[in-house]
């Protein structure tokens, strides 16, 4: 009988031992790489969250700034519109008073040319116009707006007719101005 070759047995065991060590080293290396990847991913996630927070904060600041600017602009526009409306109200009142004076100044001529009855109509119209101008001066824009709404609710047909007539007159005025 021949003796078993121990060198081959040792070689196999040696190879197995080296292979086992290599596998263990590979596992350890993979675990180390996995930990490094996890740390790197956590770092990236932290940076991403920080950037997201900064962008969100900056967007909120810019949104707040834009909102403040829009509010200021709207406030300025409201003040300017109210000022223009008050100027328009004053000019309308002045125009009515001026027309009332013209009619009143010509009432005597109407008496002579057409008759005292029509002169009295002119004086009554002049007085009514002067009173209307005084009432217009006394009322605020809010009161005038409420009265206009109430008038439209009570007499929508008349309101539409007045609007059409006014539109026609303004159209004629601006058309002839060209």
N, C-alpha and C. Protein backbone atom coordinates (compact mmCIF):
# COMPACT_ATOMS: atom_id res chain seq x y z
N UNK A 1 0.80 -1.16 0.00
CA UNK A 1 0.00 0.00 0.00
C UNK A 1 0.85 1.24 0.00
N UNK A 2 0.40 2.15 -0.69
CA UNK A 2 1.20 3.35 -0.74
C UNK A 2 0.65 4.36 0.23
N UNK A 3 1.49 5.18 0.65
CA UNK A 3 1.08 6.19 1.63
C UNK A 3 0.35 7.31 0.91
N UNK A 4 -0.68 7.79 1.59
CA UNK A 4 -1.41 8.89 0.95
C UNK A 4 -0.51 10.09 0.80
N UNK A 5 -0.73 10.79 -0.27
CA UNK A 5 0.06 11.97 -0.56
C UNK A 5 -0.46 13.11 0.31
N UNK A 6 0.29 13.39 1.31
CA UNK A 6 -0.10 14.43 2.25
C UNK A 6 0.10 15.80 1.66
N UNK A 7 0.97 15.87 0.70
CA UNK A 7 1.20 17.18 0.11
C UNK A 7 -0.03 17.64 -0.66
N UNK A 8 -0.77 16.68 -1.27
CA UNK A 8 -1.96 17.03 -1.99
C UNK A 8 -3.04 17.40 -1.01
N UNK A 9 -3.14 16.66 0.07
CA UNK A 9 -4.14 16.95 1.09
C UNK A 9 -3.86 18.30 1.70
N UNK A 10 -2.65 18.59 1.98
CA UNK A 10 -2.29 19.90 2.52
C UNK A 10 -2.55 20.99 1.50
N UNK A 11 -2.34 20.69 0.25
CA UNK A 11 -2.55 21.65 -0.82
C UNK A 11 -4.03 21.99 -0.94
N UNK A 12 -4.88 20.98 -0.80
CA UNK A 12 -6.31 21.21 -0.90
C UNK A 12 -6.77 22.01 0.30
N UNK A 13 -6.29 21.62 1.44
CA UNK A 13 -6.67 22.35 2.65
C UNK A 13 -6.13 23.77 2.60
N UNK A 14 -4.95 23.90 2.08
CA UNK A 14 -4.34 25.22 1.92
C UNK A 14 -5.17 26.08 0.98
N UNK A 15 -5.59 25.49 -0.12
CA UNK A 15 -6.39 26.20 -1.10
C UNK A 15 -7.73 26.60 -0.50
N UNK A 16 -8.32 25.64 0.25
CA UNK A 16 -9.59 25.93 0.89
C UNK A 16 -9.42 27.07 1.88
N UNK A 17 -8.36 27.03 2.62
CA UNK A 17 -8.08 28.06 3.62
C UNK A 17 -7.90 29.42 2.95
N UNK A 18 -7.13 29.44 1.85
CA UNK A 18 -6.92 30.70 1.11
C UNK A 18 -8.24 31.20 0.52
N UNK A 19 -9.04 30.26 -0.01
CA UNK A 19 -10.31 30.62 -0.61
C UNK A 19 -11.25 31.19 0.45
N UNK A 20 -11.30 30.55 1.62
CA UNK A 20 -12.13 31.01 2.71
C UNK A 20 -11.70 32.39 3.15
N UNK A 21 -10.39 32.59 3.27
CA UNK A 21 -9.86 33.89 3.66
C UNK A 21 -10.23 34.96 2.61
N UNK A 22 -10.12 34.57 1.34
CA UNK A 22 -10.42 35.51 0.26
C UNK A 22 -11.90 35.89 0.29
N UNK A 23 -12.76 34.90 0.56
CA UNK A 23 -14.19 35.17 0.65
C UNK A 23 -14.48 36.08 1.83
N UNK A 24 -13.85 35.79 2.97
CA UNK A 24 -14.05 36.63 4.17
C UNK A 24 -13.55 38.05 3.92
N UNK A 25 -12.40 38.16 3.26
CA UNK A 25 -11.88 39.49 2.94
C UNK A 25 -12.81 40.22 1.97
N UNK A 26 -13.35 39.47 1.00
CA UNK A 26 -14.28 40.07 0.05
C UNK A 26 -15.55 40.55 0.77
N UNK A 27 -16.04 39.70 1.70
CA UNK A 27 -17.21 40.11 2.49
C UNK A 27 -16.91 41.36 3.31
N UNK A 28 -15.77 41.37 3.96
CA UNK A 28 -15.39 42.52 4.76
C UNK A 28 -15.24 43.76 3.88
N UNK A 29 -14.64 43.59 2.69
CA UNK A 29 -14.49 44.70 1.76
C UNK A 29 -15.85 45.22 1.28
N UNK A 30 -16.74 44.27 0.99
CA UNK A 30 -18.09 44.66 0.54
C UNK A 30 -18.82 45.40 1.65
N UNK A 31 -18.67 44.91 2.89
CA UNK A 31 -19.31 45.59 4.02
C UNK A 31 -18.72 47.00 4.19
N UNK A 32 -17.42 47.10 4.07
CA UNK A 32 -16.77 48.41 4.21
C UNK A 32 -17.24 49.35 3.09
N UNK A 33 -17.32 48.84 1.85
CA UNK A 33 -17.81 49.65 0.74
C UNK A 33 -19.27 50.04 0.95
N UNK A 34 -20.05 49.11 1.47
CA UNK A 34 -21.46 49.40 1.75
C UNK A 34 -21.59 50.51 2.78
N UNK A 35 -20.76 50.43 3.83
CA UNK A 35 -20.79 51.48 4.86
C UNK A 35 -20.35 52.82 4.27
N UNK A 36 -19.30 52.80 3.43
CA UNK A 36 -18.84 54.03 2.79
C UNK A 36 -19.94 54.61 1.88
N UNK A 37 -20.60 53.74 1.14
CA UNK A 37 -21.68 54.19 0.25
C UNK A 37 -22.84 54.78 1.07
N UNK A 38 -23.15 54.14 2.19
CA UNK A 38 -24.24 54.64 3.05
C UNK A 38 -23.86 56.00 3.62
N UNK A 39 -22.64 56.16 4.09
CA UNK A 39 -22.19 57.45 4.62
C UNK A 39 -22.23 58.51 3.52
N UNK A 40 -21.76 58.15 2.31
CA UNK A 40 -21.78 59.10 1.20
C UNK A 40 -23.21 59.46 0.83
N UNK A 41 -24.10 58.48 0.81
CA UNK A 41 -25.51 58.74 0.48
C UNK A 41 -26.15 59.62 1.54
N UNK A 42 -25.85 59.36 2.80
CA UNK A 42 -26.40 60.20 3.87
C UNK A 42 -25.89 61.63 3.75
N UNK A 43 -24.61 61.79 3.39
CA UNK A 43 -24.03 63.11 3.19
C UNK A 43 -24.71 63.84 2.03
N UNK A 44 -24.94 63.11 0.94
CA UNK A 44 -25.63 63.70 -0.22
C UNK A 44 -27.06 64.08 0.14
N UNK A 45 -27.73 63.20 0.87
CA UNK A 45 -29.11 63.47 1.28
C UNK A 45 -29.16 64.69 2.21
N UNK A 46 -28.19 64.78 3.10
CA UNK A 46 -28.13 65.94 4.00
C UNK A 46 -27.91 67.22 3.22
N UNK A 47 -26.99 67.19 2.24
CA UNK A 47 -26.75 68.37 1.40
C UNK A 47 -27.98 68.72 0.58
N UNK A 48 -28.67 67.71 0.06
CA UNK A 48 -29.87 67.94 -0.72
C UNK A 48 -30.97 68.57 0.13
N UNK A 49 -31.16 68.06 1.35
CA UNK A 49 -32.16 68.63 2.25
C UNK A 49 -31.81 70.07 2.63
N UNK A 50 -30.53 70.33 2.84
CA UNK A 50 -30.09 71.68 3.18
C UNK A 50 -30.35 72.63 2.01
N UNK A 51 -30.02 72.19 0.79
CA UNK A 51 -30.26 73.02 -0.40
C UNK A 51 -31.75 73.25 -0.59
N UNK A 52 -32.54 72.19 -0.38
CA UNK A 52 -33.99 72.31 -0.51
C UNK A 52 -34.53 73.32 0.49
N UNK A 53 -34.03 73.27 1.71
CA UNK A 53 -34.46 74.21 2.75
C UNK A 53 -34.07 75.64 2.38
N UNK A 54 -32.85 75.81 1.88
CA UNK A 54 -32.40 77.15 1.48
C UNK A 54 -33.24 77.69 0.33
N UNK A 55 -33.50 76.84 -0.67
CA UNK A 55 -34.31 77.26 -1.82
C UNK A 55 -35.73 77.59 -1.38
N UNK A 56 -36.25 76.77 -0.49
CA UNK A 56 -37.61 77.01 0.02
C UNK A 56 -37.67 78.33 0.78
N UNK A 57 -36.66 78.58 1.60
CA UNK A 57 -36.61 79.84 2.36
C UNK A 57 -36.48 81.03 1.41
N UNK A 58 -35.63 80.90 0.41
CA UNK A 58 -35.45 81.99 -0.54
C UNK A 58 -36.73 82.23 -1.34
N UNK A 59 -37.40 81.14 -1.73
CA UNK A 59 -38.66 81.28 -2.47
C UNK A 59 -39.71 81.96 -1.60
N UNK A 60 -39.76 81.63 -0.33
CA UNK A 60 -40.73 82.25 0.58
C UNK A 60 -40.43 83.74 0.73
N UNK A 61 -39.16 84.08 0.89
CA UNK A 61 -38.77 85.50 1.02
C UNK A 61 -39.16 86.27 -0.24
N UNK A 62 -38.86 85.70 -1.40
CA UNK A 62 -39.20 86.39 -2.65
C UNK A 62 -40.71 86.50 -2.84
N UNK A 63 -41.42 85.46 -2.44
CA UNK A 63 -42.88 85.49 -2.53
C UNK A 63 -43.44 86.56 -1.60
N UNK A 64 -42.92 86.64 -0.40
CA UNK A 64 -43.36 87.67 0.54
C UNK A 64 -43.05 89.07 0.02
N UNK A 65 -41.86 89.24 -0.58
CA UNK A 65 -41.49 90.53 -1.15
C UNK A 65 -42.44 90.92 -2.29
N UNK A 66 -42.73 89.95 -3.16
CA UNK A 66 -43.64 90.23 -4.29
C UNK A 66 -45.04 90.56 -3.77
N UNK A 67 -45.47 89.84 -2.76
CA UNK A 67 -46.79 90.10 -2.18
C UNK A 67 -46.85 91.49 -1.56
N UNK A 68 -45.79 91.88 -0.88
CA UNK A 68 -45.75 93.21 -0.27
C UNK A 68 -45.76 94.30 -1.34
N UNK A 69 -45.00 94.08 -2.42
CA UNK A 69 -44.97 95.05 -3.51
C UNK A 69 -46.35 95.16 -4.17
N UNK A 70 -46.99 94.02 -4.36
CA UNK A 70 -48.32 94.02 -4.99
C UNK A 70 -49.33 94.73 -4.09
N UNK A 71 -49.25 94.50 -2.79
CA UNK A 71 -50.15 95.17 -1.86
C UNK A 71 -49.93 96.68 -1.87
N UNK A 72 -48.67 97.08 -1.89
CA UNK A 72 -48.35 98.51 -1.93
C UNK A 72 -48.87 99.13 -3.23
N UNK A 73 -48.67 98.42 -4.34
CA UNK A 73 -49.15 98.92 -5.62
C UNK A 73 -50.67 99.03 -5.62
N UNK A 74 -51.34 98.02 -5.09
CA UNK A 74 -52.81 98.06 -5.03
C UNK A 74 -53.29 99.20 -4.14
N UNK A 75 -52.61 99.41 -3.02
CA UNK A 75 -52.96 100.53 -2.14
C UNK A 75 -52.79 101.87 -2.83
N UNK A 76 -51.66 102.01 -3.54
CA UNK A 76 -51.42 103.26 -4.29
C UNK A 76 -52.47 103.46 -5.37
N UNK A 77 -52.81 102.38 -6.07
CA UNK A 77 -53.81 102.48 -7.13
C UNK A 77 -55.17 102.86 -6.56
N UNK A 78 -55.50 102.31 -5.41
CA UNK A 78 -56.79 102.62 -4.77
C UNK A 78 -56.85 104.09 -4.38
N UNK A 79 -55.77 104.59 -3.82
CA UNK A 79 -55.70 106.00 -3.42
C UNK A 79 -55.81 106.90 -4.65
N UNK A 80 -55.07 106.55 -5.69
CA UNK A 80 -55.09 107.35 -6.92
C UNK A 80 -56.50 107.32 -7.55
N UNK A 81 -57.14 106.14 -7.57
CA UNK A 81 -58.49 106.03 -8.15
C UNK A 81 -59.48 106.88 -7.34
N UNK A 82 -59.37 106.83 -6.02
CA UNK A 82 -60.27 107.63 -5.18
C UNK A 82 -60.04 109.12 -5.43
N UNK A 83 -58.77 109.51 -5.57
CA UNK A 83 -58.45 110.91 -5.83
C UNK A 83 -59.03 111.35 -7.18
N UNK A 84 -58.85 110.53 -8.20
CA UNK A 84 -59.39 110.85 -9.52
C UNK A 84 -60.92 110.91 -9.50
N UNK A 85 -61.54 109.99 -8.76
CA UNK A 85 -63.01 109.99 -8.67
C UNK A 85 -63.49 111.26 -7.96
N UNK A 86 -62.80 111.67 -6.91
CA UNK A 86 -63.18 112.92 -6.22
C UNK A 86 -62.99 114.13 -7.13
N UNK A 87 -61.92 114.13 -7.91
CA UNK A 87 -61.72 115.23 -8.87
C UNK A 87 -62.84 115.24 -9.91
N UNK A 88 -63.21 114.06 -10.38
CA UNK A 88 -64.30 113.96 -11.36
C UNK A 88 -65.61 114.44 -10.77
N UNK A 89 -65.86 114.07 -9.52
CA UNK A 89 -67.09 114.51 -8.84
C UNK A 89 -67.11 116.03 -8.72
N UNK A 90 -65.98 116.61 -8.34
CA UNK A 90 -65.90 118.08 -8.20
C UNK A 90 -66.10 118.77 -9.56
N UNK A 91 -65.48 118.23 -10.60
CA UNK A 91 -65.63 118.85 -11.93
C UNK A 91 -67.07 118.72 -12.43
N UNK A 92 -67.69 117.58 -12.16
CA UNK A 92 -69.09 117.40 -12.57
C UNK A 92 -69.98 118.41 -11.86
N UNK A 93 -69.76 118.57 -10.57
CA UNK A 93 -70.53 119.54 -9.79
C UNK A 93 -70.32 120.95 -10.34
N UNK A 94 -69.09 121.29 -10.64
CA UNK A 94 -68.79 122.62 -11.20
C UNK A 94 -69.48 122.81 -12.55
N UNK A 95 -69.48 121.76 -13.36
CA UNK A 95 -70.12 121.85 -14.67
C UNK A 95 -71.63 122.04 -14.53
N UNK A 96 -72.23 121.33 -13.57
CA UNK A 96 -73.68 121.48 -13.36
C UNK A 96 -73.99 122.90 -12.88
N UNK A 97 -73.18 123.42 -11.96
CA UNK A 97 -73.38 124.79 -11.47
C UNK A 97 -73.21 125.79 -12.62
N UNK A 98 -72.21 125.57 -13.45
CA UNK A 98 -71.98 126.46 -14.60
C UNK A 98 -73.16 126.44 -15.56
N UNK A 99 -73.68 125.26 -15.84
CA UNK A 99 -74.84 125.14 -16.72
C UNK A 99 -76.07 125.80 -16.09
N UNK A 100 -76.21 125.63 -14.77
CA UNK A 100 -77.32 126.25 -14.05
C UNK A 100 -77.24 127.77 -14.18
N UNK A 101 -76.04 128.34 -14.07
CA UNK A 101 -75.87 129.79 -14.20
C UNK A 101 -76.19 130.27 -15.61
N UNK A 102 -75.76 129.50 -16.60
CA UNK A 102 -76.04 129.88 -17.98
C UNK A 102 -77.55 129.90 -18.21
N UNK A 103 -78.25 128.86 -17.71
CA UNK A 103 -79.70 128.82 -17.86
C UNK A 103 -80.35 129.98 -17.11
N UNK A 104 -79.89 130.23 -15.89
CA UNK A 104 -80.44 131.32 -15.08
C UNK A 104 -80.20 132.67 -15.74
N UNK A 105 -78.98 132.85 -16.28
CA UNK A 105 -78.66 134.11 -16.96
C UNK A 105 -79.52 134.33 -18.20
N UNK A 106 -79.95 133.27 -18.82
CA UNK A 106 -80.74 133.37 -20.05
C UNK A 106 -82.24 133.28 -19.81
N UNK A 107 -82.66 133.13 -18.57
CA UNK A 107 -84.10 133.01 -18.27
C UNK A 107 -84.85 134.27 -18.70
N UNK A 108 -84.25 135.43 -18.51
CA UNK A 108 -84.89 136.68 -18.94
C UNK A 108 -85.09 136.71 -20.44
N UNK A 109 -84.10 136.26 -21.18
CA UNK A 109 -84.20 136.21 -22.63
C UNK A 109 -85.29 135.23 -23.06
N UNK A 110 -85.38 134.13 -22.34
CA UNK A 110 -86.44 133.14 -22.64
C UNK A 110 -87.80 133.77 -22.36
N UNK A 111 -87.91 134.55 -21.28
CA UNK A 111 -89.16 135.25 -20.98
C UNK A 111 -89.58 136.12 -22.17
N UNK A 112 -88.61 136.87 -22.71
CA UNK A 112 -88.90 137.80 -23.81
C UNK A 112 -89.25 137.07 -25.10
N UNK A 113 -88.47 136.02 -25.43
CA UNK A 113 -88.61 135.36 -26.72
C UNK A 113 -89.74 134.33 -26.76
N UNK A 114 -89.90 133.57 -25.69
CA UNK A 114 -90.84 132.45 -25.71
C UNK A 114 -92.02 132.69 -24.78
N UNK A 115 -91.79 133.40 -23.72
CA UNK A 115 -92.86 133.67 -22.77
C UNK A 115 -92.42 133.40 -21.35
N UNK A 116 -93.08 134.09 -20.37
CA UNK A 116 -92.70 133.96 -18.97
C UNK A 116 -92.88 132.54 -18.43
N UNK A 117 -93.82 131.80 -18.96
CA UNK A 117 -94.04 130.42 -18.50
C UNK A 117 -92.78 129.59 -18.73
N UNK A 118 -92.18 129.73 -19.92
CA UNK A 118 -90.97 128.97 -20.24
C UNK A 118 -89.75 129.52 -19.50
N UNK A 119 -89.75 130.80 -19.23
CA UNK A 119 -88.70 131.40 -18.41
C UNK A 119 -88.74 130.83 -17.00
N UNK A 120 -89.95 130.65 -16.48
CA UNK A 120 -90.09 130.03 -15.15
C UNK A 120 -89.61 128.58 -15.16
N UNK A 121 -89.90 127.85 -16.26
CA UNK A 121 -89.38 126.47 -16.38
C UNK A 121 -87.85 126.47 -16.34
N UNK A 122 -87.27 127.43 -17.05
CA UNK A 122 -85.81 127.53 -17.08
C UNK A 122 -85.25 127.84 -15.69
N UNK A 123 -85.90 128.78 -14.98
CA UNK A 123 -85.43 129.11 -13.63
C UNK A 123 -85.58 127.91 -12.69
N UNK A 124 -86.70 127.20 -12.82
CA UNK A 124 -86.91 125.99 -11.98
C UNK A 124 -85.84 124.94 -12.29
N UNK A 125 -85.56 124.75 -13.58
CA UNK A 125 -84.52 123.79 -13.97
C UNK A 125 -83.16 124.23 -13.45
N UNK A 126 -82.88 125.52 -13.52
CA UNK A 126 -81.61 126.06 -13.04
C UNK A 126 -81.47 125.83 -11.53
N UNK A 127 -82.55 126.10 -10.80
CA UNK A 127 -82.53 125.92 -9.35
C UNK A 127 -82.34 124.44 -9.01
N UNK A 128 -83.03 123.56 -9.73
CA UNK A 128 -82.90 122.10 -9.49
C UNK A 128 -81.47 121.64 -9.77
N UNK A 129 -80.88 122.17 -10.81
CA UNK A 129 -79.50 121.80 -11.15
C UNK A 129 -78.53 122.29 -10.07
N UNK A 130 -78.72 123.50 -9.56
CA UNK A 130 -77.86 124.03 -8.50
C UNK A 130 -78.00 123.19 -7.23
N UNK A 131 -79.22 122.79 -6.91
CA UNK A 131 -79.44 121.93 -5.73
C UNK A 131 -78.80 120.56 -5.92
N UNK A 132 -78.91 120.02 -7.13
CA UNK A 132 -78.29 118.72 -7.42
C UNK A 132 -76.77 118.81 -7.27
N UNK A 133 -76.19 119.91 -7.74
CA UNK A 133 -74.73 120.10 -7.61
C UNK A 133 -74.34 120.20 -6.14
N UNK A 134 -75.15 120.88 -5.35
CA UNK A 134 -74.86 121.01 -3.91
C UNK A 134 -74.95 119.63 -3.24
N UNK A 135 -75.97 118.85 -3.60
CA UNK A 135 -76.10 117.49 -3.02
C UNK A 135 -74.92 116.62 -3.44
N UNK A 136 -74.48 116.78 -4.67
CA UNK A 136 -73.34 116.02 -5.16
C UNK A 136 -72.09 116.36 -4.37
N UNK A 137 -71.89 117.64 -4.09
CA UNK A 137 -70.72 118.06 -3.30
C UNK A 137 -70.76 117.52 -1.88
N UNK A 138 -71.95 117.41 -1.30
CA UNK A 138 -72.09 116.99 0.09
C UNK A 138 -71.86 115.49 0.29
N UNK A 139 -72.10 114.68 -0.73
CA UNK A 139 -72.05 113.22 -0.58
C UNK A 139 -70.66 112.68 -0.88
N UNK A 140 -70.36 111.59 -0.16
CA UNK A 140 -69.10 110.90 -0.41
C UNK A 140 -69.26 109.97 -1.61
N UNK A 141 -68.13 109.48 -2.09
CA UNK A 141 -68.17 108.54 -3.22
C UNK A 141 -68.92 107.27 -2.85
N UNK A 142 -68.74 106.81 -1.62
CA UNK A 142 -69.43 105.59 -1.17
C UNK A 142 -70.94 105.79 -1.18
N UNK A 143 -71.38 106.94 -0.69
CA UNK A 143 -72.82 107.23 -0.69
C UNK A 143 -73.36 107.30 -2.11
N UNK A 144 -72.61 107.94 -2.99
CA UNK A 144 -73.04 108.03 -4.39
C UNK A 144 -73.12 106.66 -5.04
N UNK A 145 -72.14 105.82 -4.73
CA UNK A 145 -72.14 104.46 -5.26
C UNK A 145 -73.34 103.66 -4.79
N UNK A 146 -73.65 103.78 -3.50
CA UNK A 146 -74.82 103.07 -2.95
C UNK A 146 -76.11 103.57 -3.59
N UNK A 147 -76.22 104.88 -3.77
CA UNK A 147 -77.41 105.44 -4.41
C UNK A 147 -77.54 104.96 -5.85
N UNK A 148 -76.42 104.88 -6.55
CA UNK A 148 -76.45 104.40 -7.94
C UNK A 148 -76.90 102.94 -7.99
N UNK A 149 -76.39 102.12 -7.06
CA UNK A 149 -76.79 100.71 -7.01
C UNK A 149 -78.29 100.59 -6.74
N UNK A 150 -78.75 101.38 -5.80
CA UNK A 150 -80.17 101.35 -5.44
C UNK A 150 -81.03 101.79 -6.63
N UNK A 151 -80.59 102.82 -7.34
CA UNK A 151 -81.33 103.30 -8.51
C UNK A 151 -81.41 102.20 -9.57
N UNK A 152 -80.30 101.52 -9.80
CA UNK A 152 -80.28 100.46 -10.81
C UNK A 152 -81.19 99.31 -10.39
N UNK A 153 -81.20 98.98 -9.09
CA UNK A 153 -82.09 97.91 -8.60
C UNK A 153 -83.56 98.28 -8.78
N UNK A 154 -83.88 99.54 -8.50
CA UNK A 154 -85.28 99.96 -8.58
C UNK A 154 -85.73 100.20 -10.02
N UNK A 155 -84.85 100.73 -10.86
CA UNK A 155 -85.23 101.09 -12.24
C UNK A 155 -84.17 100.63 -13.22
N UNK A 156 -84.06 99.34 -13.46
CA UNK A 156 -83.00 98.87 -14.36
C UNK A 156 -83.17 99.36 -15.80
N UNK A 157 -84.40 99.47 -16.26
CA UNK A 157 -84.64 99.95 -17.62
C UNK A 157 -84.18 101.38 -17.81
N UNK A 158 -84.52 102.23 -16.85
CA UNK A 158 -84.10 103.63 -16.92
C UNK A 158 -82.57 103.72 -16.84
N UNK A 159 -81.97 102.90 -15.97
CA UNK A 159 -80.51 102.92 -15.82
C UNK A 159 -79.83 102.53 -17.13
N UNK A 160 -80.38 101.53 -17.81
CA UNK A 160 -79.79 101.12 -19.09
C UNK A 160 -79.96 102.24 -20.11
N UNK A 161 -81.13 102.87 -20.13
CA UNK A 161 -81.35 103.98 -21.06
C UNK A 161 -80.40 105.13 -20.82
N UNK A 162 -80.18 105.48 -19.55
CA UNK A 162 -79.25 106.57 -19.21
C UNK A 162 -77.84 106.19 -19.63
N UNK A 163 -77.46 104.94 -19.39
CA UNK A 163 -76.12 104.49 -19.76
C UNK A 163 -75.92 104.55 -21.28
N UNK A 164 -76.94 104.13 -22.02
CA UNK A 164 -76.84 104.18 -23.49
C UNK A 164 -76.73 105.63 -23.96
N UNK A 165 -77.56 106.49 -23.40
CA UNK A 165 -77.52 107.90 -23.80
C UNK A 165 -76.18 108.53 -23.45
N UNK A 166 -75.68 108.25 -22.27
CA UNK A 166 -74.38 108.79 -21.86
C UNK A 166 -73.28 108.26 -22.77
N UNK A 167 -73.33 106.98 -23.08
CA UNK A 167 -72.34 106.40 -23.98
C UNK A 167 -72.38 107.04 -25.35
N UNK A 168 -73.59 107.27 -25.84
CA UNK A 168 -73.74 107.92 -27.14
C UNK A 168 -73.15 109.33 -27.11
N UNK A 169 -73.48 110.08 -26.05
CA UNK A 169 -72.96 111.45 -25.95
C UNK A 169 -71.44 111.47 -25.84
N UNK A 170 -70.88 110.60 -24.99
CA UNK A 170 -69.43 110.56 -24.86
C UNK A 170 -68.78 110.13 -26.18
N UNK A 171 -69.41 109.19 -26.84
CA UNK A 171 -68.89 108.76 -28.14
C UNK A 171 -68.87 109.90 -29.14
N UNK A 172 -69.92 110.67 -29.16
CA UNK A 172 -69.99 111.82 -30.07
C UNK A 172 -68.95 112.87 -29.70
N UNK A 173 -68.79 113.10 -28.40
CA UNK A 173 -67.80 114.11 -27.94
C UNK A 173 -66.39 113.71 -28.36
N UNK A 174 -66.05 112.45 -28.11
CA UNK A 174 -64.69 112.01 -28.41
C UNK A 174 -64.48 111.82 -29.91
N UNK A 175 -65.51 111.47 -30.63
CA UNK A 175 -65.40 111.31 -32.07
C UNK A 175 -65.17 112.67 -32.73
N UNK A 176 -65.87 113.69 -32.28
CA UNK A 176 -65.71 115.02 -32.87
C UNK A 176 -64.40 115.65 -32.48
N UNK A 177 -63.77 115.17 -31.40
CA UNK A 177 -62.49 115.70 -30.95
C UNK A 177 -61.32 115.28 -31.81
N UNK A 178 -61.50 114.27 -32.68
CA UNK A 178 -60.40 113.76 -33.50
C UNK A 178 -60.05 114.66 -34.61
